Amino acid sequence: MALHFRRVDTAVNALEIWMASGGGFSFVISNESRTGPGLHGKPGLVASWRPVQVNKSAIKLGGSPFSTFAEAKEACEALLETFEQMNALQASTIAPSPQ
């Protein structure tokens, strides 16, 4: 499933944050730097995720920070595909057997 990220409007223009959701999960990509305005951290694009229906902190994707937006987006889409495969596998093991 392709995720469609959109830029999040913030009061501080220096914040570069994009979000997308799909399959019951929310994904965020943020641009971080060591100095200046905006989010501080290791320089690059940090991708994170969390379930939409559960009010918990986001989990940073392995490999973050990424060098390009495309790399961060691909990592989010790969994780979403893994979640979808896990859900399909779980649903097939739970489904009642035909009688």
Protein backbone atom coordinates (compact mmCIF):
# COMPACT_ATOMS: atom_id res chain seq x y z
CA MET A 1 0.00 0.00 0.00
CA ALA A 2 1.43 3.36 -0.99
CA LEU A 3 1.42 5.97 1.75
CA HIS A 4 0.63 9.55 0.76
CA PHE A 5 2.55 11.91 3.02
CA ARG A 6 1.40 15.49 3.47
CA ARG A 7 3.26 18.36 5.04
CA VAL A 8 1.97 19.29 8.49
CA ASP A 9 1.21 22.98 8.98
CA THR A 10 2.98 24.26 12.08
CA ALA A 11 3.28 27.66 13.71
CA VAL A 12 7.04 27.40 13.22
CA ASN A 13 7.89 27.24 9.51
CA ALA A 14 11.29 25.77 10.32
CA LEU A 15 9.63 22.51 11.41
CA GLU A 16 9.57 20.05 8.55
CA ILE A 17 7.08 17.31 9.40
CA TRP A 18 5.08 15.05 7.09
CA MET A 19 2.45 12.51 8.06
CA ALA A 20 0.47 9.69 6.49
CA SER A 21 -1.76 6.92 7.73
CA GLY A 22 -2.90 3.58 6.45
CA GLY A 23 -3.86 0.15 7.71
CA GLY A 24 -4.60 1.50 11.18
CA PHE A 25 -1.15 3.04 11.62
CA SER A 26 0.14 6.60 11.59
CA PHE A 27 3.55 7.40 10.10
CA VAL A 28 5.54 10.62 10.56
CA ILE A 29 8.73 11.80 8.89
CA SER A 30 10.53 14.76 10.46
CA ASN A 31 13.66 16.62 9.44
CA GLU A 32 16.09 16.99 12.33
CA SER A 33 19.35 18.88 12.77
CA ARG A 34 21.79 19.47 15.61
CA THR A 35 21.38 23.25 15.67
CA GLY A 36 19.02 26.02 14.63
CA PRO A 37 15.24 26.14 14.73
CA GLY A 38 13.21 22.99 14.40
CA LEU A 39 13.62 19.51 15.81
CA HIS A 40 17.02 18.67 17.25
CA GLY A 41 18.70 15.32 16.88
CA LYS A 42 21.03 13.45 14.58
CA PRO A 43 20.80 15.26 11.20
CA GLY A 44 18.48 13.65 8.68
CA LEU A 45 14.94 12.49 8.15
CA VAL A 46 13.57 10.50 11.08
CA ALA A 47 10.64 8.17 10.45
CA SER A 48 8.34 6.94 13.20
CA TRP A 49 5.05 5.07 13.55
CA ARG A 50 2.29 4.26 16.02
CA PRO A 51 -1.10 2.55 15.93
CA VAL A 52 -3.88 5.06 15.23
CA GLN A 53 -6.33 3.63 17.77
CA VAL A 54 -3.82 3.40 20.64
CA ASN A 55 -2.72 6.58 22.39
CA LYS A 56 0.96 5.71 22.85
CA SER A 57 4.27 7.28 21.94
CA ALA A 58 5.60 6.83 18.44
CA ILE A 59 8.35 4.30 17.71
CA LYS A 60 11.32 5.35 15.59
CA LEU A 61 11.96 3.15 12.54
CA GLY A 62 15.26 1.34 12.35
CA GLY A 63 17.64 3.05 9.96
CA SER A 64 16.57 6.55 11.00
CA PRO A 65 17.72 9.14 10.26
CA PHE A 66 17.55 8.64 6.52
CA SER A 67 19.44 10.70 3.96
CA THR A 68 16.46 11.32 1.67
CA PHE A 69 12.70 11.62 1.97
CA ALA A 70 12.30 8.76 -0.51
CA GLU A 71 14.33 6.42 1.74
CA ALA A 72 12.26 7.35 4.79
CA LYS A 73 9.00 6.89 2.86
CA GLU A 74 10.12 3.49 1.52
CA ALA A 75 10.96 2.36 5.08
CA CYS A 76 7.48 3.38 6.26
CA GLU A 77 5.82 1.59 3.35
CA ALA A 78 7.89 -1.56 3.95
CA LEU A 79 6.85 -1.59 7.62
CA LEU A 80 3.19 -1.08 6.69
CA GLU A 81 3.44 -4.00 4.24
CA THR A 82 4.90 -6.16 7.03
CA PHE A 83 2.03 -5.18 9.35
CA GLU A 84 -0.51 -6.03 6.64
CA GLN A 85 1.11 -9.44 6.05
CA MET A 86 1.11 -10.15 9.79
CA ASN A 87 -2.58 -9.19 10.04
CA ALA A 88 -3.47 -11.41 7.08
CA LEU A 89 -1.55 -14.34 8.58
CA GLN A 90 -3.18 -13.80 11.96
CA ALA A 91 -6.64 -13.59 10.39
CA SER A 92 -6.08 -16.85 8.48
CA THR A 93 -5.05 -18.71 11.64
CA ILE A 94 -8.04 -17.38 13.57
CA ALA A 95 -10.63 -17.99 10.86
CA PRO A 96 -13.00 -20.85 11.69
CA SER A 97 -12.52 -24.01 9.67
CA PRO A 98 -15.29 -24.90 7.21
CA GLN A 99 -17.67 -27.64 8.38
